[in-house]
PDB file of N, CA and C in Angstrom:
ATOM      1  N   MET A   1     129.124 -68.353  61.475  1.00  0.00           N
ATOM      2  CA  MET A   1     130.002 -68.914  62.490  1.00  0.00           C
ATOM      3  C   MET A   1     131.450 -68.642  62.109  1.00  0.00           C
ATOM      4  N   PHE A   2     132.270 -68.383  63.112  1.00  0.00           N
ATOM      5  CA  PHE A   2     133.677 -68.165  62.827  1.00  0.00           C
ATOM      6  C   PHE A   2     134.552 -68.864  63.852  1.00  0.00           C
ATOM      7  N   ILE A   3     135.800 -69.089  63.459  1.00  0.00           N
ATOM      8  CA  ILE A   3     136.774 -69.765  64.307  1.00  0.00           C
ATOM      9  C   ILE A   3     137.630 -68.747  65.051  1.00  0.00           C
ATOM     10  N   LEU A   4     138.054 -67.705  64.348  1.00  0.00           N
ATOM     11  CA  LEU A   4     138.830 -66.619  64.933  1.00  0.00           C
ATOM     12  C   LEU A   4     138.569 -65.373  64.110  1.00  0.00           C
ATOM     13  N   ASP A   5     138.513 -64.237  64.780  1.00  0.00           N
ATOM     14  CA  ASP A   5     138.370 -62.985  64.044  1.00  0.00           C
ATOM     15  C   ASP A   5     139.263 -61.925  64.653  1.00  0.00           C
ATOM     16  N   LYS A   6     139.616 -60.949  63.833  1.00  0.00           N
ATOM     17  CA  LYS A   6     140.429 -59.817  64.267  1.00  0.00           C
ATOM     18  C   LYS A   6     139.934 -58.569  63.554  1.00  0.00           C
ATOM     19  N   PHE A   7     140.185 -57.436  64.181  1.00  0.00           N
ATOM     20  CA  PHE A   7     139.832 -56.148  63.599  1.00  0.00           C
ATOM     21  C   PHE A   7     141.108 -55.367  63.302  1.00  0.00           C
ATOM     22  N   PHE A   8     141.122 -54.699  62.160  1.00  0.00           N
ATOM     23  CA  PHE A   8     142.261 -53.894  61.734  1.00  0.00           C
ATOM     24  C   PHE A   8     141.768 -52.504  61.349  1.00  0.00           C
ATOM     25  N   GLN A   9     142.388 -51.494  61.922  1.00  0.00           N
ATOM     26  CA  GLN A   9     142.091 -50.108  61.569  1.00  0.00           C
ATOM     27  C   GLN A   9     142.925 -49.748  60.346  1.00  0.00           C
ATOM     28  N   THR A  10     142.277 -49.327  59.269  1.00  0.00           N
ATOM     29  CA  THR A  10     143.028 -48.953  58.076  1.00  0.00           C
ATOM     30  C   THR A  10     143.650 -47.578  58.272  1.00  0.00           C
ATOM     31  N   GLU A  11     144.908 -47.475  57.927  1.00  0.00           N
ATOM     32  CA  GLU A  11     145.701 -46.256  58.077  1.00  0.00           C
ATOM     33  C   GLU A  11     146.175 -45.801  56.699  1.00  0.00           C
ATOM     34  N   PRO A  12     146.643 -44.562  56.571  1.00  0.00           N
ATOM     35  CA  PRO A  12     147.121 -44.085  55.268  1.00  0.00           C
ATOM     36  C   PRO A  12     148.169 -44.992  54.620  1.00  0.00           C
ATOM     37  N   GLU A  13     149.028 -45.615  55.422  1.00  0.00           N
ATOM     38  CA  GLU A  13     150.050 -46.507  54.853  1.00  0.00           C
ATOM     39  C   GLU A  13     149.474 -47.797  54.268  1.00  0.00           C
ATOM     40  N   HIS A  14     148.200 -48.081  54.518  1.00  0.00           N
ATOM     41  CA  HIS A  14     147.537 -49.260  53.955  1.00  0.00           C
ATOM     42  C   HIS A  14     146.898 -48.980  52.597  1.00  0.00           C
ATOM     43  N   SER A  15     147.001 -47.754  52.125  1.00  0.00           N
ATOM     44  CA  SER A  15     146.337 -47.397  50.861  1.00  0.00           C
ATOM     45  C   SER A  15     147.085 -47.950  49.655  1.00  0.00           C
ATOM     46  N   ALA A  16     146.344 -48.120  48.576  1.00  0.00           N
ATOM     47  CA  ALA A  16     146.947 -48.567  47.319  1.00  0.00           C
ATOM     48  C   ALA A  16     148.012 -47.576  46.866  1.00  0.00           C
ATOM     49  N   LYS A  17     147.740 -46.302  47.047  1.00  0.00           N
ATOM     50  CA  LYS A  17     148.701 -45.269  46.648  1.00  0.00           C
ATOM     51  C   LYS A  17     149.993 -45.388  47.453  1.00  0.00           C
ATOM     52  N   ALA A  18     149.878 -45.567  48.762  1.00  0.00           N
ATOM     53  CA  ALA A  18     151.059 -45.631  49.630  1.00  0.00           C
ATOM     54  C   ALA A  18     151.910 -46.870  49.381  1.00  0.00           C
ATOM     55  N   CYS A  19     151.271 -47.995  49.112  1.00  0.00           N
ATOM     56  CA  CYS A  19     152.064 -49.222  48.943  1.00  0.00           C
ATOM     57  C   CYS A  19     152.436 -49.486  47.493  1.00  0.00           C
ATOM     58  N   GLY A  20     152.003 -48.630  46.585  1.00  0.00           N
ATOM     59  CA  GLY A  20     152.435 -48.741  45.197  1.00  0.00           C
ATOM     60  C   GLY A  20     151.642 -49.701  44.340  1.00  0.00           C
ATOM     61  N   SER A  21     150.493 -50.145  44.830  1.00  0.00           N
ATOM     62  CA  SER A  21     149.693 -51.088  44.033  1.00  0.00           C
ATOM     63  C   SER A  21     148.582 -50.389  43.252  1.00  0.00           C
ATOM     64  N   GLY A  22     148.519 -49.066  43.354  1.00  0.00           N
ATOM     65  CA  GLY A  22     147.499 -48.292  42.654  1.00  0.00           C
ATOM     66  C   GLY A  22     147.676 -46.819  42.952  1.00  0.00           C
ATOM     67  N   SER A  23     146.724 -46.010  42.491  1.00  0.00           N
ATOM     68  CA  SER A  23     146.852 -44.561  42.657  1.00  0.00           C
ATOM     69  C   SER A  23     145.819 -43.964  43.610  1.00  0.00           C
ATOM     70  N   LEU A  24     144.973 -44.807  44.201  1.00  0.00           N
ATOM     71  CA  LEU A  24     143.875 -44.296  45.027  1.00  0.00           C
ATOM     72  C   LEU A  24     144.138 -44.481  46.517  1.00  0.00           C
ATOM     73  N   GLU A  25     143.499 -43.618  47.300  1.00  0.00           N
ATOM     74  CA  GLU A  25     143.575 -43.677  48.763  1.00  0.00           C
ATOM     75  C   GLU A  25     142.471 -44.603  49.289  1.00  0.00           C
ATOM     76  N   VAL A  26     142.558 -45.870  48.914  1.00  0.00           N
ATOM     77  CA  VAL A  26     141.644 -46.916  49.380  1.00  0.00           C
ATOM     78  C   VAL A  26     142.494 -48.083  49.871  1.00  0.00           C
ATOM     79  N   LEU A  27     141.884 -48.973  50.646  1.00  0.00           N
ATOM     80  CA  LEU A  27     142.613 -50.137  51.146  1.00  0.00           C
ATOM     81  C   LEU A  27     143.196 -50.922  49.979  1.00  0.00           C
ATOM     82  N   SER A  28     144.494 -51.165  50.037  1.00  0.00           N
ATOM     83  CA  SER A  28     145.164 -51.908  48.968  1.00  0.00           C
ATOM     84  C   SER A  28     144.922 -53.406  49.112  1.00  0.00           C
ATOM     85  N   THR A  29     144.970 -54.092  47.998  1.00  0.00           N
ATOM     86  CA  THR A  29     144.862 -55.552  48.028  1.00  0.00           C
ATOM     87  C   THR A  29     146.019 -56.175  48.806  1.00  0.00           C
ATOM     88  N   PRO A  30     147.281 -55.720  48.631  1.00  0.00           N
ATOM     89  CA  PRO A  30     148.353 -56.306  49.439  1.00  0.00           C
ATOM     90  C   PRO A  30     148.116 -56.182  50.943  1.00  0.00           C
ATOM     91  N   CYS A  31     147.562 -55.069  51.395  1.00  0.00           N
ATOM     92  CA  CYS A  31     147.298 -54.914  52.828  1.00  0.00           C
ATOM     93  C   CYS A  31     146.113 -55.752  53.285  1.00  0.00           C
ATOM     94  N   LEU A  32     145.097 -55.883  52.446  1.00  0.00           N
ATOM     95  CA  LEU A  32     143.994 -56.786  52.771  1.00  0.00           C
ATOM     96  C   LEU A  32     144.528 -58.205  52.952  1.00  0.00           C
ATOM     97  N   ILE A  33     145.394 -58.630  52.046  1.00  0.00           N
ATOM     98  CA  ILE A  33     146.001 -59.961  52.147  1.00  0.00           C
ATOM     99  C   ILE A  33     146.827 -60.074  53.424  1.00  0.00           C
ATOM    100  N   ALA A  34     147.592 -59.040  53.755  1.00  0.00           N
ATOM    101  CA  ALA A  34     148.397 -59.066  54.981  1.00  0.00           C
ATOM    102  C   ALA A  34     147.513 -59.210  56.220  1.00  0.00           C
ATOM    103  N   PHE A  35     146.374 -58.527  56.251  1.00  0.00           N
ATOM    104  CA  PHE A  35     145.450 -58.665  57.378  1.00  0.00           C
ATOM    105  C   PHE A  35     144.939 -60.109  57.480  1.00  0.00           C
ATOM    106  N   MET A  36     144.627 -60.710  56.340  1.00  0.00           N
ATOM    107  CA  MET A  36     144.157 -62.096  56.329  1.00  0.00           C
ATOM    108  C   MET A  36     145.258 -63.040  56.817  1.00  0.00           C
ATOM    109  N   GLU A  37     146.467 -62.854  56.296  1.00  0.00           N
ATOM    110  CA  GLU A  37     147.589 -63.706  56.709  1.00  0.00           C
ATOM    111  C   GLU A  37     147.873 -63.549  58.195  1.00  0.00           C
ATOM    112  N   ASN A  38     147.817 -62.330  58.701  1.00  0.00           N
ATOM    113  CA  ASN A  38     148.083 -62.086  60.109  1.00  0.00           C
ATOM    114  C   ASN A  38     147.084 -62.810  61.001  1.00  0.00           C
ATOM    115  N   THR A  39     145.831 -62.823  60.606  1.00  0.00           N
ATOM    116  CA  THR A  39     144.802 -63.513  61.384  1.00  0.00           C
ATOM    117  C   THR A  39     145.053 -65.017  61.383  1.00  0.00           C
ATOM    118  N   ALA A  40     145.399 -65.569  60.228  1.00  0.00           N
ATOM    119  CA  ALA A  40     145.716 -66.998  60.138  1.00  0.00           C
ATOM    120  C   ALA A  40     146.970 -67.328  60.946  1.00  0.00           C
ATOM    121  N   PHE A  41     147.986 -66.479  60.855  1.00  0.00           N
ATOM    122  CA  PHE A  41     149.217 -66.663  61.626  1.00  0.00           C
ATOM    123  C   PHE A  41     148.905 -66.716  63.123  1.00  0.00           C
ATOM    124  N   ASP A  42     148.090 -65.785  63.603  1.00  0.00           N
ATOM    125  CA  ASP A  42     147.719 -65.773  65.023  1.00  0.00           C
ATOM    126  C   ASP A  42     147.032 -67.069  65.434  1.00  0.00           C
ATOM    127  N   TYR A  43     146.141 -67.575  64.583  1.00  0.00           N
ATOM    128  CA  TYR A  43     145.474 -68.845  64.886  1.00  0.00           C
ATOM    129  C   TYR A  43     146.518 -69.946  65.059  1.00  0.00           C
ATOM    130  N   CYS A  44     147.448 -70.033  64.119  1.00  0.00           N
ATOM    131  CA  CYS A  44     148.460 -71.095  64.154  1.00  0.00           C
ATOM    132  C   CYS A  44     149.339 -70.999  65.394  1.00  0.00           C
ATOM    133  N   GLN A  45     149.787 -69.791  65.719  1.00  0.00           N
ATOM    134  CA  GLN A  45     150.699 -69.632  66.852  1.00  0.00           C
ATOM    135  C   GLN A  45     150.070 -70.108  68.153  1.00  0.00           C
ATOM    136  N   ARG A  46     148.772 -70.027  68.255  1.00  0.00           N
ATOM    137  CA  ARG A  46     148.073 -70.501  69.458  1.00  0.00           C
ATOM    138  C   ARG A  46     148.111 -72.022  69.570  1.00  0.00           C
ATOM    139  N   GLN A  47     148.394 -72.707  68.452  1.00  0.00           N
ATOM    140  CA  GLN A  47     148.393 -74.161  68.428  1.00  0.00           C
ATOM    141  C   GLN A  47     149.793 -74.760  68.581  1.00  0.00           C
ATOM    142  N   LEU A  48     150.840 -73.938  68.440  1.00  0.00           N
ATOM    143  CA  LEU A  48     152.207 -74.445  68.311  1.00  0.00           C
ATOM    144  C   LEU A  48     153.064 -74.159  69.536  1.00  0.00           C
ATOM    145  N   SER A  49     154.118 -74.971  69.687  1.00  0.00           N
ATOM    146  CA  SER A  49     155.116 -74.721  70.723  1.00  0.00           C
ATOM    147  C   SER A  49     156.012 -73.560  70.292  1.00  0.00           C
ATOM    148  N   LYS A  50     156.797 -73.031  71.239  1.00  0.00           N
ATOM    149  CA  LYS A  50     157.587 -71.821  70.979  1.00  0.00           C
ATOM    150  C   LYS A  50     158.677 -72.010  69.935  1.00  0.00           C
ATOM    151  N   GLU A  51     159.153 -73.234  69.730  1.00  0.00           N
ATOM    152  CA  GLU A  51     160.225 -73.447  68.751  1.00  0.00           C
ATOM    153  C   GLU A  51     159.697 -73.588  67.319  1.00  0.00           C
ATOM    154  N   LYS A  52     158.385 -73.506  67.163  1.00  0.00           N
ATOM    155  CA  LYS A  52     157.781 -73.627  65.834  1.00  0.00           C
ATOM    156  C   LYS A  52     157.015 -72.361  65.468  1.00  0.00           C
ATOM    157  N   THR A  53     156.871 -72.164  64.166  1.00  0.00           N
ATOM    158  CA  THR A  53     156.057 -71.082  63.631  1.00  0.00           C
ATOM    159  C   THR A  53     155.469 -71.570  62.313  1.00  0.00           C
ATOM    160  N   THR A  54     154.783 -70.694  61.614  1.00  0.00           N
ATOM    161  CA  THR A  54     154.266 -71.051  60.293  1.00  0.00           C
ATOM    162  C   THR A  54     154.707 -70.016  59.277  1.00  0.00           C
ATOM    163  N   VAL A  55     154.781 -70.470  58.040  1.00  0.00           N
ATOM    164  CA  VAL A  55     155.073 -69.589  56.911  1.00  0.00           C
ATOM    165  C   VAL A  55     153.957 -69.754  55.891  1.00  0.00           C
ATOM    166  N   GLY A  56     153.617 -68.666  55.244  1.00  0.00           N
ATOM    167  CA  GLY A  56     152.592 -68.727  54.208  1.00  0.00           C
ATOM    168  C   GLY A  56     153.127 -69.434  52.975  1.00  0.00           C
ATOM    169  N   THR A  57     152.324 -70.340  52.408  1.00  0.00           N
ATOM    170  CA  THR A  57     152.740 -71.072  51.206  1.00  0.00           C
ATOM    171  C   THR A  57     151.778 -70.886  50.042  1.00  0.00           C
ATOM    172  N   PHE A  58     150.568 -70.420  50.317  1.00  0.00           N
ATOM    173  CA  PHE A  58     149.579 -70.242  49.251  1.00  0.00           C
ATOM    174  C   PHE A  58     148.540 -69.239  49.717  1.00  0.00           C
ATOM    175  N   ILE A  59     148.113 -68.406  48.778  1.00  0.00           N
ATOM    176  CA  ILE A  59     146.970 -67.529  49.059  1.00  0.00           C
ATOM    177  C   ILE A  59     146.248 -67.239  47.752  1.00  0.00           C
ATOM    178  N   GLN A  60     144.938 -67.275  47.821  1.00  0.00           N
ATOM    179  CA  GLN A  60     144.089 -66.903  46.688  1.00  0.00           C
ATOM    180  C   GLN A  60     142.985 -66.017  47.249  1.00  0.00           C
ATOM    181  N   VAL A  61     142.933 -64.782  46.771  1.00  0.00           N
ATOM    182  CA  VAL A  61     142.012 -63.798  47.348  1.00  0.00           C
ATOM    183  C   VAL A  61     141.251 -63.078  46.250  1.00  0.00           C
ATOM    184  N   GLU A  62     139.969 -62.862  46.502  1.00  0.00           N
ATOM    185  CA  GLU A  62     139.147 -61.968  45.689  1.00  0.00           C
ATOM    186  C   GLU A  62     138.933 -60.701  46.510  1.00  0.00           C
ATOM    187  N   HIS A  63     139.337 -59.566  45.964  1.00  0.00           N
ATOM    188  CA  HIS A  63     139.092 -58.267  46.608  1.00  0.00           C
ATOM    189  C   HIS A  63     137.836 -57.716  45.942  1.00  0.00           C
ATOM    190  N   LEU A  64     136.716 -57.783  46.645  1.00  0.00           N
ATOM    191  CA  LEU A  64     135.395 -57.581  46.050  1.00  0.00           C
ATOM    192  C   LEU A  64     134.883 -56.147  46.070  1.00  0.00           C
ATOM    193  N   ALA A  65     135.369 -55.339  47.017  1.00  0.00           N
ATOM    194  CA  ALA A  65     134.844 -53.973  47.143  1.00  0.00           C
ATOM    195  C   ALA A  65     135.905 -53.068  47.749  1.00  0.00           C
ATOM    196  N   ALA A  66     135.865 -51.807  47.359  1.00  0.00           N
ATOM    197  CA  ALA A  66     136.811 -50.818  47.880  1.00  0.00           C
ATOM    198  C   ALA A  66     136.414 -50.388  49.290  1.00  0.00           C
ATOM    199  N   THR A  67     137.434 -50.001  50.068  1.00  0.00           N
ATOM    200  CA  THR A  67     137.221 -49.540  51.437  1.00  0.00           C
ATOM    201  C   THR A  67     137.992 -48.246  51.657  1.00  0.00           C
ATOM    202  N   ARG A  68     137.311 -47.251  52.222  1.00  0.00           N
ATOM    203  CA  ARG A  68     137.963 -45.978  52.539  1.00  0.00           C
ATOM    204  C   ARG A  68     138.997 -46.171  53.644  1.00  0.00           C
ATOM    205  N   ILE A  69     140.086 -45.437  53.535  1.00  0.00           N
ATOM    206  CA  ILE A  69     141.069 -45.409  54.611  1.00  0.00           C
ATOM    207  C   ILE A  69     140.410 -44.774  55.836  1.00  0.00           C
ATOM    208  N   GLY A  70     140.705 -45.335  57.004  1.00  0.00           N
ATOM    209  CA  GLY A  70     140.089 -44.881  58.250  1.00  0.00           C
ATOM    210  C   GLY A  70     139.032 -45.840  58.758  1.00  0.00           C
ATOM    211  N   LYS A  71     138.551 -46.720  57.886  1.00  0.00           N
ATOM    212  CA  LYS A  71     137.535 -47.706  58.288  1.00  0.00           C
ATOM    213  C   LYS A  71     138.201 -48.870  59.029  1.00  0.00           C
ATOM    214  N   THR A  72     137.402 -49.581  59.812  1.00  0.00           N
ATOM    215  CA  THR A  72     137.863 -50.780  60.502  1.00  0.00           C
ATOM    216  C   THR A  72     137.442 -51.998  59.699  1.00  0.00           C
ATOM    217  N   ILE A  73     138.397 -52.864  59.442  1.00  0.00           N
ATOM    218  CA  ILE A  73     138.156 -54.087  58.674  1.00  0.00           C
ATOM    219  C   ILE A  73     138.069 -55.261  59.643  1.00  0.00           C
ATOM    220  N   HIS A  74     137.095 -56.112  59.434  1.00  0.00           N
ATOM    221  CA  HIS A  74     136.873 -57.294  60.265  1.00  0.00           C
ATOM    222  C   HIS A  74     137.277 -58.517  59.447  1.00  0.00           C
ATOM    223  N   ILE A  75     138.303 -59.221  59.909  1.00  0.00           N
ATOM    224  CA  ILE A  75     138.783 -60.429  59.237  1.00  0.00           C
ATOM    225  C   ILE A  75     138.265 -61.633  60.016  1.00  0.00           C
ATOM    226  N   VAL A  76     137.680 -62.586  59.296  1.00  0.00           N
ATOM    227  CA  VAL A  76     137.033 -63.738  59.924  1.00  0.00           C
ATOM    228  C   VAL A  76     137.544 -65.030  59.289  1.00  0.00           C
ATOM    229  N   ILE A  77     138.094 -65.912  60.121  1.00  0.00           N
ATOM    230  CA  ILE A  77     138.408 -67.267  59.657  1.00  0.00           C
ATOM    231  C   ILE A  77     137.132 -68.074  59.822  1.00  0.00           C
ATOM    232  N   THR A  78     136.597 -68.561  58.700  1.00  0.00           N
ATOM    233  CA  THR A  78     135.334 -69.297  58.749  1.00  0.00           C
ATOM    234  C   THR A  78     135.526 -70.808  58.743  1.00  0.00           C
ATOM    235  N   HIS A  79     136.707 -71.258  58.309  1.00  0.00           N
ATOM    236  CA  HIS A  79     136.953 -72.702  58.236  1.00  0.00           C
ATOM    237  C   HIS A  79     138.457 -72.937  58.288  1.00  0.00           C
ATOM    238  N   VAL A  80     138.866 -73.975  58.990  1.00  0.00           N
ATOM    239  CA  VAL A  80     140.284 -74.347  59.013  1.00  0.00           C
ATOM    240  C   VAL A  80     140.400 -75.866  58.989  1.00  0.00           C
ATOM    241  N   ILE A  81     141.344 -76.348  58.215  1.00  0.00           N
ATOM    242  CA  ILE A  81     141.679 -77.773  58.176  1.00  0.00           C
ATOM    243  C   ILE A  81     143.132 -77.900  58.612  1.00  0.00           C
ATOM    244  N   GLU A  82     143.375 -78.696  59.640  1.00  0.00           N
ATOM    245  CA  GLU A  82     144.739 -78.991  60.065  1.00  0.00           C
ATOM    246  C   GLU A  82     145.109 -80.325  59.441  1.00  0.00           C
ATOM    247  N   ASN A  83     146.085 -80.275  58.539  1.00  0.00           N
ATOM    248  CA  ASN A  83     146.468 -81.443  57.756  1.00  0.00           C
ATOM    249  C   ASN A  83     147.960 -81.691  57.947  1.00  0.00           C
ATOM    250  N   GLY A  84     148.306 -82.442  58.991  1.00  0.00           N
ATOM    251  CA  GLY A  84     149.714 -82.696  59.266  1.00  0.00           C
ATOM    252  C   GLY A  84     150.431 -81.415  59.636  1.00  0.00           C
ATOM    253  N   ARG A  85     151.395 -81.017  58.799  1.00  0.00           N
ATOM    254  CA  ARG A  85     152.174 -79.809  59.052  1.00  0.00           C
ATOM    255  C   ARG A  85     151.608 -78.593  58.331  1.00  0.00           C
ATOM    256  N   GLN A  86     150.366 -78.674  57.883  1.00  0.00           N
ATOM    257  CA  GLN A  86     149.753 -77.552  57.178  1.00  0.00           C
ATOM    258  C   GLN A  86     148.417 -77.167  57.805  1.00  0.00           C
ATOM    259  N   PHE A  87     148.141 -75.885  57.712  1.00  0.00           N
ATOM    260  CA  PHE A  87     146.840 -75.336  58.082  1.00  0.00           C
ATOM    261  C   PHE A  87     146.253 -74.714  56.822  1.00  0.00           C
ATOM    262  N   GLU A  88     145.025 -75.082  56.500  1.00  0.00           N
ATOM    263  CA  GLU A  88     144.336 -74.524  55.332  1.00  0.00           C
ATOM    264  C   GLU A  88     143.124 -73.736  55.822  1.00  0.00           C
ATOM    265  N   PHE A  89     143.067 -72.464  55.443  1.00  0.00           N
ATOM    266  CA  PHE A  89     142.051 -71.545  55.946  1.00  0.00           C
ATOM    267  C   PHE A  89     141.110 -71.065  54.849  1.00  0.00           C
ATOM    268  N   THR A  90     139.865 -70.831  55.236  1.00  0.00           N
ATOM    269  CA  THR A  90     138.928 -70.040  54.447  1.00  0.00           C
ATOM    270  C   THR A  90     138.707 -68.766  55.252  1.00  0.00           C
ATOM    271  N   ILE A  91     138.891 -67.621  54.590  1.00  0.00           N
ATOM    272  CA  ILE A  91     138.892 -66.336  55.288  1.00  0.00           C
ATOM    273  C   ILE A  91     137.998 -65.346  54.549  1.00  0.00           C
ATOM    274  N   GLU A  92     137.285 -64.530  55.325  1.00  0.00           N
ATOM    275  CA  GLU A  92     136.457 -63.458  54.760  1.00  0.00           C
ATOM    276  C   GLU A  92     136.843 -62.135  55.410  1.00  0.00           C
ATOM    277  N   ALA A  93     136.641 -61.049  54.672  1.00  0.00           N
ATOM    278  CA  ALA A  93     136.923 -59.704  55.176  1.00  0.00           C
ATOM    279  C   ALA A  93     135.685 -58.836  55.004  1.00  0.00           C
ATOM    280  N   TYR A  94     135.377 -58.058  56.034  1.00  0.00           N
ATOM    281  CA  TYR A  94     134.182 -57.218  56.032  1.00  0.00           C
ATOM    282  C   TYR A  94     134.520 -55.781  56.378  1.00  0.00           C
ATOM    283  N   ASP A  95     133.816 -54.870  55.726  1.00  0.00           N
ATOM    284  CA  ASP A  95     133.759 -53.456  56.090  1.00  0.00           C
ATOM    285  C   ASP A  95     132.332 -53.269  56.594  1.00  0.00           C
ATOM    286  N   GLY A  96     132.162 -53.293  57.916  1.00  0.00           N
ATOM    287  CA  GLY A  96     130.814 -53.327  58.482  1.00  0.00           C
ATOM    288  C   GLY A  96     130.160 -54.645  58.103  1.00  0.00           C
ATOM    289  N   SER A  97     129.006 -54.576  57.454  1.00  0.00           N
ATOM    290  CA  SER A  97     128.315 -55.799  57.031  1.00  0.00           C
ATOM    291  C   SER A  97     128.609 -56.159  55.575  1.00  0.00           C
ATOM    292  N   ILE A  98     129.465 -55.376  54.918  1.00  0.00           N
ATOM    293  CA  ILE A  98     129.752 -55.598  53.494  1.00  0.00           C
ATOM    294  C   ILE A  98     130.959 -56.511  53.339  1.00  0.00           C
ATOM    295  N   LEU A  99     130.773 -57.616  52.636  1.00  0.00           N
ATOM    296  CA  LEU A  99     131.868 -58.530  52.320  1.00  0.00           C
ATOM    297  C   LEU A  99     132.767 -57.845  51.296  1.00  0.00           C
ATOM    298  N   ILE A 100     134.023 -57.568  51.685  1.00  0.00           N
ATOM    299  CA  ILE A 100     134.940 -56.880  50.769  1.00  0.00           C
ATOM    300  C   ILE A 100     136.012 -57.802  50.204  1.00  0.00           C
ATOM    301  N   GLY A 101     136.161 -58.984  50.813  1.00  0.00           N
ATOM    302  CA  GLY A 101     137.166 -59.915  50.322  1.00  0.00           C
ATOM    303  C   GLY A 101     136.939 -61.301  50.877  1.00  0.00           C
ATOM    304  N   ARG A 102     137.422 -62.275  50.126  1.00  0.00           N
ATOM    305  CA  ARG A 102     137.349 -63.665  50.597  1.00  0.00           C
ATOM    306  C   ARG A 102     138.453 -64.446  49.912  1.00  0.00           C
ATOM    307  N   GLY A 103     138.856 -65.528  50.572  1.00  0.00           N
ATOM    308  CA  GLY A 103     139.906 -66.315  49.959  1.00  0.00           C
ATOM    309  C   GLY A 103     140.286 -67.524  50.775  1.00  0.00           C
ATOM    310  N   THR A 104     141.311 -68.194  50.268  1.00  0.00           N
ATOM    311  CA  THR A 104     141.877 -69.346  50.951  1.00  0.00           C
ATOM    312  C   THR A 104     143.363 -69.087  51.163  1.00  0.00           C
ATOM    313  N   HIS A 105     143.878 -69.657  52.233  1.00  0.00           N
ATOM    314  CA  HIS A 105     145.275 -69.424  52.609  1.00  0.00           C
ATOM    315  C   HIS A 105     145.815 -70.683  53.266  1.00  0.00           C
ATOM    316  N   THR A 106     147.044 -71.055  52.913  1.00  0.00           N
ATOM    317  CA  THR A 106     147.701 -72.217  53.496  1.00  0.00           C
ATOM    318  C   THR A 106     148.980 -71.769  54.185  1.00  0.00           C
ATOM    319  N   ARG A 107     149.209 -72.313  55.377  1.00  0.00           N
ATOM    320  CA  ARG A 107     150.430 -72.049  56.131  1.00  0.00           C
ATOM    321  C   ARG A 107     151.072 -73.381  56.498  1.00  0.00           C
ATOM    322  N   ALA A 108     152.400 -73.443  56.403  1.00  0.00           N
ATOM    323  CA  ALA A 108     153.153 -74.654  56.735  1.00  0.00           C
ATOM    324  C   ALA A 108     153.889 -74.448  58.054  1.00  0.00           C
ATOM    325  N   VAL A 109     153.892 -75.476  58.879  1.00  0.00           N
ATOM    326  CA  VAL A 109     154.589 -75.443  60.160  1.00  0.00           C
ATOM    327  C   VAL A 109     156.075 -75.705  59.921  1.00  0.00           C
ATOM    328  N   VAL A 110     156.919 -74.874  60.536  1.00  0.00           N
ATOM    329  CA  VAL A 110     158.367 -75.061  60.444  1.00  0.00           C
ATOM    330  C   VAL A 110     158.990 -74.912  61.825  1.00  0.00           C
ATOM    331  N   ASN A 111     160.110 -75.598  62.006  1.00  0.00           N
ATOM    332  CA  ASN A 111     160.945 -75.387  63.177  1.00  0.00           C
ATOM    333  C   ASN A 111     161.757 -74.128  62.899  1.00  0.00           C
ATOM    334  N   ILE A 112     161.674 -73.135  63.760  1.00  0.00           N
ATOM    335  CA  ILE A 112     162.286 -71.829  63.501  1.00  0.00           C
ATOM    336  C   ILE A 112     163.786 -71.951  63.261  1.00  0.00           C
ATOM    337  N   GLU A 113     164.500 -72.629  64.152  1.00  0.00           N
ATOM    338  CA  GLU A 113     165.956 -72.726  64.036  1.00  0.00           C
ATOM    339  C   GLU A 113     166.365 -73.432  62.744  1.00  0.00           C
ATOM    340  N   ARG A 114     165.743 -74.561  62.448  1.00  0.00           N
ATOM    341  CA  ARG A 114     166.078 -75.289  61.207  1.00  0.00           C
ATOM    342  C   ARG A 114     165.753 -74.466  59.971  1.00  0.00           C
ATOM    343  N   PHE A 115     164.626 -73.798  59.989  1.00  0.00           N
ATOM    344  CA  PHE A 115     164.222 -72.976  58.846  1.00  0.00           C
ATOM    345  C   PHE A 115     165.237 -71.860  58.595  1.00  0.00           C
ATOM    346  N   LEU A 116     165.610 -71.151  59.651  1.00  0.00           N
ATOM    347  CA  LEU A 116     166.558 -70.041  59.500  1.00  0.00           C
ATOM    348  C   LEU A 116     167.949 -70.522  59.099  1.00  0.00           C
ATOM    349  N   ASN A 117     168.352 -71.703  59.575  1.00  0.00           N
ATOM    350  CA  ASN A 117     169.664 -72.250  59.217  1.00  0.00           C
ATOM    351  C   ASN A 117     169.750 -72.649  57.751  1.00  0.00           C
ATOM    352  N   LYS A 118     168.625 -72.897  57.107  1.00  0.00           N
ATOM    353  CA  LYS A 118     168.612 -73.283  55.688  1.00  0.00           C
ATOM    354  C   LYS A 118     168.730 -72.087  54.746  1.00  0.00           C
ATOM    355  N   LEU A 119     168.538 -70.888  55.269  1.00  0.00           N
ATOM    356  CA  LEU A 119     168.602 -69.695  54.423  1.00  0.00           C
ATOM    357  C   LEU A 119     170.026 -69.443  53.954  1.00  0.00           C
ATOM    358  N   THR A 120     170.147 -68.924  52.737  1.00  0.00           N
ATOM    359  CA  THR A 120     171.488 -68.623  52.213  1.00  0.00           C
ATOM    360  C   THR A 120     171.825 -67.168  52.391  1.00  0.00           C
TER     361      THR A 120
END
């Protein structure tokens, strides 16, 4: 069972070699994490008014298997807890039927204008 899912086509710029996290032309861990965060972000935005957004505050991911560039990755939110101003997610990533990653991710709700005004 899933709450929300998205598909991402892996491109050459998603490789470990291209993003500097390794020397191979395989899906990089940073890009796998970005796909997971993007799926969680989309879930949150559907729940919020236009003056609010979320920012990532925590992520813990296991990258379990390599994926060739050109493959489609399926990101699945399997569990979400809405706790006040936070969303806590359990997320899995698949290459076909193969589990390639799993983790937890937390996002905090912020007022966009106030958040940006606090930046130095």
